[in-house]
């Protein structure tokens, strides 16, 4: 069996001679990537988010590794951070948080099925699936997107690098043209925070 490639080998590394210089170069390159995210796709993602709140549809979120951590963080901020007492809450759920279920599915059906099986069990027409994958090509992410489409769910993809299969197939593509995992993940965190904060701002105004 050949040696698996470390994804970090795909990172484009800023040229710097010190930690401080590296930080500055990293921040500059991240800023360039952020400026290239499609405003139209950000608005489209927000429309899906607001529509789910209005209709009561559920939002499911998933990713691998750092993207799984972002998924869990997103659920915290989108639920708690947008809630207005006396009004409906955003129904958002992480598909990576239940480690017992996640590992049971991986053990019984293979890792590629860990998210898709949950979508099959839980997803309903009109629900939303947010998939976070820097490469856009993780097999379990692509299978989950296929399962969501089969159930007439909307798919929002957060990707980096060249976008991969997820960016090409998602209903809404929040693609970050960063060829560095850290930068892609930082941008996904910013997208997550900004969407939550704007929804909270809009809900505050409407009170």
C-alpha atoms as a PDB file:
ATOM      1  CA  UNK A   1       0.000   0.000   0.000  1.00  0.00           C
ATOM      2  CA  UNK A   2       1.377   3.425  -0.972  1.00  0.00           C
ATOM      3  CA  UNK A   3       1.924   6.172   1.525  1.00  0.00           C
ATOM      4  CA  UNK A   4      -1.031   8.541   1.861  1.00  0.00           C
ATOM      5  CA  UNK A   5      -0.297  12.119   0.892  1.00  0.00           C
ATOM      6  CA  UNK A   6      -0.406  14.686   3.668  1.00  0.00           C
ATOM      7  CA  UNK A   7      -2.857  17.425   2.563  1.00  0.00           C
ATOM      8  CA  UNK A   8      -0.466  20.020   3.981  1.00  0.00           C
ATOM      9  CA  UNK A   9       1.817  19.236   1.057  1.00  0.00           C
ATOM     10  CA  UNK A  10      -0.710  21.092  -1.119  1.00  0.00           C
ATOM     11  CA  UNK A  11      -0.404  24.327   0.853  1.00  0.00           C
ATOM     12  CA  UNK A  12       1.038  27.335  -0.929  1.00  0.00           C
ATOM     13  CA  UNK A  13       3.323  28.843   1.706  1.00  0.00           C
ATOM     14  CA  UNK A  14       3.963  32.614   1.905  1.00  0.00           C
ATOM     15  CA  UNK A  15       7.593  33.641   1.471  1.00  0.00           C
ATOM     16  CA  UNK A  16       8.875  35.041   4.782  1.00  0.00           C
ATOM     17  CA  UNK A  17      12.012  34.947   6.907  1.00  0.00           C
ATOM     18  CA  UNK A  18      10.451  35.328  10.343  1.00  0.00           C
ATOM     19  CA  UNK A  19       7.249  34.446  12.165  1.00  0.00           C
ATOM     20  CA  UNK A  20       6.122  38.082  12.128  1.00  0.00           C
ATOM     21  CA  UNK A  21       6.801  38.412   8.407  1.00  0.00           C
ATOM     22  CA  UNK A  22       4.971  35.148   7.781  1.00  0.00           C
ATOM     23  CA  UNK A  23       1.954  36.425   9.713  1.00  0.00           C
ATOM     24  CA  UNK A  24       1.872  39.628   7.665  1.00  0.00           C
ATOM     25  CA  UNK A  25       2.207  37.756   4.380  1.00  0.00           C
ATOM     26  CA  UNK A  26      -0.440  35.248   5.456  1.00  0.00           C
ATOM     27  CA  UNK A  27      -2.848  38.055   6.354  1.00  0.00           C
ATOM     28  CA  UNK A  28      -2.247  39.786   3.007  1.00  0.00           C
ATOM     29  CA  UNK A  29      -2.877  36.617   1.011  1.00  0.00           C
ATOM     30  CA  UNK A  30      -5.972  35.817   3.051  1.00  0.00           C
ATOM     31  CA  UNK A  31      -7.281  39.313   2.348  1.00  0.00           C
ATOM     32  CA  UNK A  32      -6.780  38.831  -1.384  1.00  0.00           C
ATOM     33  CA  UNK A  33      -8.735  35.562  -1.283  1.00  0.00           C
ATOM     34  CA  UNK A  34     -11.553  37.076   0.786  1.00  0.00           C
ATOM     35  CA  UNK A  35     -11.961  39.898  -1.718  1.00  0.00           C
ATOM     36  CA  UNK A  36     -12.586  37.355  -4.481  1.00  0.00           C
ATOM     37  CA  UNK A  37     -15.489  35.535  -2.819  1.00  0.00           C
ATOM     38  CA  UNK A  38     -18.604  36.063  -4.928  1.00  0.00           C
ATOM     39  CA  UNK A  39     -20.932  38.684  -3.376  1.00  0.00           C
ATOM     40  CA  UNK A  40     -23.818  37.125  -5.295  1.00  0.00           C
ATOM     41  CA  UNK A  41     -23.166  33.738  -3.713  1.00  0.00           C
ATOM     42  CA  UNK A  42     -22.957  35.286  -0.246  1.00  0.00           C
ATOM     43  CA  UNK A  43     -26.367  36.884  -0.812  1.00  0.00           C
ATOM     44  CA  UNK A  44     -27.699  33.576  -2.155  1.00  0.00           C
ATOM     45  CA  UNK A  45     -26.471  31.765   0.961  1.00  0.00           C
ATOM     46  CA  UNK A  46     -28.113  34.363   3.167  1.00  0.00           C
ATOM     47  CA  UNK A  47     -31.397  34.001   1.274  1.00  0.00           C
ATOM     48  CA  UNK A  48     -31.301  30.235   1.902  1.00  0.00           C
ATOM     49  CA  UNK A  49     -30.552  30.827   5.586  1.00  0.00           C
ATOM     50  CA  UNK A  50     -33.362  33.346   5.969  1.00  0.00           C
ATOM     51  CA  UNK A  51     -35.738  31.120   4.007  1.00  0.00           C
ATOM     52  CA  UNK A  52     -35.019  28.184   6.316  1.00  0.00           C
ATOM     53  CA  UNK A  53     -35.768  30.349   9.334  1.00  0.00           C
ATOM     54  CA  UNK A  54     -39.065  31.462   7.824  1.00  0.00           C
ATOM     55  CA  UNK A  55     -40.199  27.998   6.729  1.00  0.00           C
ATOM     56  CA  UNK A  56     -38.908  26.061   9.727  1.00  0.00           C
ATOM     57  CA  UNK A  57     -36.670  23.900   7.535  1.00  0.00           C
ATOM     58  CA  UNK A  58     -33.702  22.254   9.190  1.00  0.00           C
ATOM     59  CA  UNK A  59     -30.097  23.085   8.367  1.00  0.00           C
ATOM     60  CA  UNK A  60     -27.540  20.288   8.618  1.00  0.00           C
ATOM     61  CA  UNK A  61     -23.804  20.972   8.575  1.00  0.00           C
ATOM     62  CA  UNK A  62     -20.781  18.715   8.105  1.00  0.00           C
ATOM     63  CA  UNK A  63     -17.077  18.618   7.295  1.00  0.00           C
ATOM     64  CA  UNK A  64     -13.879  16.713   8.085  1.00  0.00           C
ATOM     65  CA  UNK A  65     -11.093  17.661  10.487  1.00  0.00           C
ATOM     66  CA  UNK A  66     -10.869  21.430  10.876  1.00  0.00           C
ATOM     67  CA  UNK A  67     -13.994  21.741   8.745  1.00  0.00           C
ATOM     68  CA  UNK A  68     -15.848  19.512  11.225  1.00  0.00           C
ATOM     69  CA  UNK A  69     -14.819  21.902  13.993  1.00  0.00           C
ATOM     70  CA  UNK A  70     -16.140  24.800  11.914  1.00  0.00           C
ATOM     71  CA  UNK A  71     -19.388  22.859  11.441  1.00  0.00           C
ATOM     72  CA  UNK A  72     -19.876  22.528  15.186  1.00  0.00           C
ATOM     73  CA  UNK A  73     -18.921  26.171  15.762  1.00  0.00           C
ATOM     74  CA  UNK A  74     -21.356  27.241  13.042  1.00  0.00           C
ATOM     75  CA  UNK A  75     -24.193  25.400  14.770  1.00  0.00           C
ATOM     76  CA  UNK A  76     -23.400  27.129  18.056  1.00  0.00           C
ATOM     77  CA  UNK A  77     -23.328  30.612  16.562  1.00  0.00           C
ATOM     78  CA  UNK A  78     -26.228  30.179  14.158  1.00  0.00           C
ATOM     79  CA  UNK A  79     -28.506  28.818  16.903  1.00  0.00           C
ATOM     80  CA  UNK A  80     -27.503  30.788  19.989  1.00  0.00           C
ATOM     81  CA  UNK A  81     -26.192  33.833  18.138  1.00  0.00           C
ATOM     82  CA  UNK A  82     -29.334  34.469  16.089  1.00  0.00           C
ATOM     83  CA  UNK A  83     -32.007  33.513  18.615  1.00  0.00           C
ATOM     84  CA  UNK A  84     -34.613  36.105  19.569  1.00  0.00           C
ATOM     85  CA  UNK A  85     -36.774  35.181  22.607  1.00  0.00           C
ATOM     86  CA  UNK A  86     -40.374  34.627  21.637  1.00  0.00           C
ATOM     87  CA  UNK A  87     -39.511  34.016  17.974  1.00  0.00           C
ATOM     88  CA  UNK A  88     -38.666  30.800  16.097  1.00  0.00           C
ATOM     89  CA  UNK A  89     -35.067  29.628  16.347  1.00  0.00           C
ATOM     90  CA  UNK A  90     -32.900  28.604  13.425  1.00  0.00           C
ATOM     91  CA  UNK A  91     -32.980  24.788  13.413  1.00  0.00           C
ATOM     92  CA  UNK A  92     -29.323  23.961  12.762  1.00  0.00           C
ATOM     93  CA  UNK A  93     -27.633  20.625  13.478  1.00  0.00           C
ATOM     94  CA  UNK A  94     -24.085  19.294  13.115  1.00  0.00           C
ATOM     95  CA  UNK A  95     -23.698  15.874  11.494  1.00  0.00           C
ATOM     96  CA  UNK A  96     -20.222  15.481  12.980  1.00  0.00           C
ATOM     97  CA  UNK A  97     -20.996  16.169  16.650  1.00  0.00           C
ATOM     98  CA  UNK A  98     -22.413  12.756  17.600  1.00  0.00           C
ATOM     99  CA  UNK A  99     -19.207  10.720  17.728  1.00  0.00           C
ATOM    100  CA  UNK A 100     -21.011   7.498  18.662  1.00  0.00           C
ATOM    101  CA  UNK A 101     -23.267   7.695  15.610  1.00  0.00           C
ATOM    102  CA  UNK A 102     -20.497   8.961  13.324  1.00  0.00           C
ATOM    103  CA  UNK A 103     -18.131   6.133  14.237  1.00  0.00           C
ATOM    104  CA  UNK A 104     -20.894   3.510  14.104  1.00  0.00           C
ATOM    105  CA  UNK A 105     -21.733   4.544  10.556  1.00  0.00           C
ATOM    106  CA  UNK A 106     -18.068   4.570   9.607  1.00  0.00           C
ATOM    107  CA  UNK A 107     -17.533   1.132  11.100  1.00  0.00           C
ATOM    108  CA  UNK A 108     -20.635  -0.432   9.538  1.00  0.00           C
ATOM    109  CA  UNK A 109     -20.785   1.266   6.143  1.00  0.00           C
ATOM    110  CA  UNK A 110     -17.357   2.843   5.592  1.00  0.00           C
ATOM    111  CA  UNK A 111     -16.109   6.374   6.193  1.00  0.00           C
ATOM    112  CA  UNK A 112     -17.477   7.606   2.874  1.00  0.00           C
ATOM    113  CA  UNK A 113     -21.020   6.966   4.191  1.00  0.00           C
ATOM    114  CA  UNK A 114     -20.668   8.771   7.536  1.00  0.00           C
ATOM    115  CA  UNK A 115     -22.557  11.884   6.450  1.00  0.00           C
ATOM    116  CA  UNK A 116     -24.673  10.565   3.573  1.00  0.00           C
ATOM    117  CA  UNK A 117     -26.351   7.984   5.819  1.00  0.00           C
ATOM    118  CA  UNK A 118     -27.368  10.699   8.264  1.00  0.00           C
ATOM    119  CA  UNK A 119     -28.776  12.775   5.416  1.00  0.00           C
ATOM    120  CA  UNK A 120     -30.760   9.724   4.274  1.00  0.00           C
ATOM    121  CA  UNK A 121     -32.195   9.256   7.766  1.00  0.00           C
ATOM    122  CA  UNK A 122     -32.895  12.891   8.630  1.00  0.00           C
ATOM    123  CA  UNK A 123     -33.161  15.001   5.486  1.00  0.00           C
ATOM    124  CA  UNK A 124     -36.493  16.152   4.083  1.00  0.00           C
ATOM    125  CA  UNK A 125     -37.437  18.225   1.017  1.00  0.00           C
ATOM    126  CA  UNK A 126     -36.706  21.887   1.631  1.00  0.00           C
ATOM    127  CA  UNK A 127     -34.055  21.230   4.271  1.00  0.00           C
ATOM    128  CA  UNK A 128     -30.540  22.612   3.799  1.00  0.00           C
ATOM    129  CA  UNK A 129     -27.175  20.842   3.877  1.00  0.00           C
ATOM    130  CA  UNK A 130     -24.048  22.944   4.373  1.00  0.00           C
ATOM    131  CA  UNK A 131     -20.875  21.072   3.463  1.00  0.00           C
ATOM    132  CA  UNK A 132     -17.459  22.465   4.336  1.00  0.00           C
ATOM    133  CA  UNK A 133     -14.457  21.067   2.466  1.00  0.00           C
ATOM    134  CA  UNK A 134     -11.317  23.005   1.590  1.00  0.00           C
ATOM    135  CA  UNK A 135     -10.513  20.686  -1.316  1.00  0.00           C
ATOM    136  CA  UNK A 136     -14.133  20.205  -2.329  1.00  0.00           C
ATOM    137  CA  UNK A 137     -13.336  16.599  -3.178  1.00  0.00           C
ATOM    138  CA  UNK A 138     -13.645  14.592   0.059  1.00  0.00           C
ATOM    139  CA  UNK A 139     -15.544  11.420  -0.816  1.00  0.00           C
ATOM    140  CA  UNK A 140     -17.893  11.506   2.179  1.00  0.00           C
ATOM    141  CA  UNK A 141     -18.752  15.132   1.422  1.00  0.00           C
ATOM    142  CA  UNK A 142     -19.557  14.451  -2.236  1.00  0.00           C
ATOM    143  CA  UNK A 143     -21.720  11.443  -1.312  1.00  0.00           C
ATOM    144  CA  UNK A 144     -23.576  13.576   1.222  1.00  0.00           C
ATOM    145  CA  UNK A 145     -24.274  16.200  -1.449  1.00  0.00           C
ATOM    146  CA  UNK A 146     -25.654  13.491  -3.738  1.00  0.00           C
ATOM    147  CA  UNK A 147     -27.910  12.205  -0.942  1.00  0.00           C
ATOM    148  CA  UNK A 148     -29.182  15.715  -0.232  1.00  0.00           C
ATOM    149  CA  UNK A 149     -30.054  16.363  -3.866  1.00  0.00           C
ATOM    150  CA  UNK A 150     -31.917  13.040  -4.014  1.00  0.00           C
ATOM    151  CA  UNK A 151     -34.055  14.334  -1.142  1.00  0.00           C
ATOM    152  CA  UNK A 152     -34.667  17.721  -2.773  1.00  0.00           C
ATOM    153  CA  UNK A 153     -32.581  19.547  -0.186  1.00  0.00           C
ATOM    154  CA  UNK A 154     -30.566  22.686  -0.943  1.00  0.00           C
ATOM    155  CA  UNK A 155     -26.789  22.295  -0.796  1.00  0.00           C
ATOM    156  CA  UNK A 156     -24.416  25.098   0.204  1.00  0.00           C
ATOM    157  CA  UNK A 157     -20.743  24.326  -0.334  1.00  0.00           C
ATOM    158  CA  UNK A 158     -17.838  26.102   1.357  1.00  0.00           C
ATOM    159  CA  UNK A 159     -14.624  25.277  -0.490  1.00  0.00           C
ATOM    160  CA  UNK A 160     -11.083  26.475  -1.219  1.00  0.00           C
ATOM    161  CA  UNK A 161      -8.210  25.580  -3.575  1.00  0.00           C
ATOM    162  CA  UNK A 162      -9.867  24.945  -6.981  1.00  0.00           C
ATOM    163  CA  UNK A 163     -13.320  24.285  -5.508  1.00  0.00           C
ATOM    164  CA  UNK A 164     -13.426  20.653  -6.551  1.00  0.00           C
ATOM    165  CA  UNK A 165     -16.588  18.678  -7.215  1.00  0.00           C
ATOM    166  CA  UNK A 166     -18.484  20.356  -4.389  1.00  0.00           C
ATOM    167  CA  UNK A 167     -18.123  23.879  -5.786  1.00  0.00           C
ATOM    168  CA  UNK A 168     -19.281  22.656  -9.182  1.00  0.00           C
ATOM    169  CA  UNK A 169     -22.373  20.859  -7.895  1.00  0.00           C
ATOM    170  CA  UNK A 170     -23.610  22.932  -4.928  1.00  0.00           C
ATOM    171  CA  UNK A 171     -26.738  25.054  -5.270  1.00  0.00           C
ATOM    172  CA  UNK A 172     -24.809  27.867  -3.591  1.00  0.00           C
ATOM    173  CA  UNK A 173     -21.016  27.910  -3.835  1.00  0.00           C
ATOM    174  CA  UNK A 174     -19.071  29.890  -1.235  1.00  0.00           C
ATOM    175  CA  UNK A 175     -15.751  29.307  -2.970  1.00  0.00           C
ATOM    176  CA  UNK A 176     -12.595  30.841  -1.502  1.00  0.00           C
ATOM    177  CA  UNK A 177      -9.683  30.972  -4.001  1.00  0.00           C
ATOM    178  CA  UNK A 178      -7.048  30.221  -1.361  1.00  0.00           C
ATOM    179  CA  UNK A 179      -4.506  27.441  -1.935  1.00  0.00           C
ATOM    180  CA  UNK A 180      -3.739  27.012   1.739  1.00  0.00           C
ATOM    181  CA  UNK A 181      -5.857  24.985   4.169  1.00  0.00           C
ATOM    182  CA  UNK A 182      -5.466  27.469   6.994  1.00  0.00           C
ATOM    183  CA  UNK A 183      -6.549  30.397   4.838  1.00  0.00           C
ATOM    184  CA  UNK A 184      -9.522  28.505   3.418  1.00  0.00           C
ATOM    185  CA  UNK A 185     -10.646  27.542   6.917  1.00  0.00           C
ATOM    186  CA  UNK A 186     -10.157  31.098   8.205  1.00  0.00           C
ATOM    187  CA  UNK A 187     -12.321  32.374   5.354  1.00  0.00           C
ATOM    188  CA  UNK A 188     -15.008  29.796   6.070  1.00  0.00           C
ATOM    189  CA  UNK A 189     -15.055  30.922   9.699  1.00  0.00           C
ATOM    190  CA  UNK A 190     -15.499  34.526   8.554  1.00  0.00           C
ATOM    191  CA  UNK A 191     -18.349  33.561   6.247  1.00  0.00           C
ATOM    192  CA  UNK A 192     -20.001  31.655   9.087  1.00  0.00           C
ATOM    193  CA  UNK A 193     -19.644  34.549  11.519  1.00  0.00           C
ATOM    194  CA  UNK A 194     -20.720  37.272   9.098  1.00  0.00           C
ATOM    195  CA  UNK A 195     -23.861  35.420   8.003  1.00  0.00           C
ATOM    196  CA  UNK A 196     -24.853  34.765  11.626  1.00  0.00           C
ATOM    197  CA  UNK A 197     -24.189  38.332  12.716  1.00  0.00           C
ATOM    198  CA  UNK A 198     -26.087  39.843   9.791  1.00  0.00           C
ATOM    199  CA  UNK A 199     -29.079  37.595  10.458  1.00  0.00           C
ATOM    200  CA  UNK A 200     -28.983  38.628  14.115  1.00  0.00           C
ATOM    201  CA  UNK A 201     -28.750  42.283  13.082  1.00  0.00           C
ATOM    202  CA  UNK A 202     -31.740  41.906  10.778  1.00  0.00           C
ATOM    203  CA  UNK A 203     -33.760  40.141  13.475  1.00  0.00           C
ATOM    204  CA  UNK A 204     -32.912  42.862  16.012  1.00  0.00           C
ATOM    205  CA  UNK A 205     -34.119  45.555  13.617  1.00  0.00           C
ATOM    206  CA  UNK A 206     -37.389  43.719  12.978  1.00  0.00           C
ATOM    207  CA  UNK A 207     -38.279  43.409  16.662  1.00  0.00           C
END
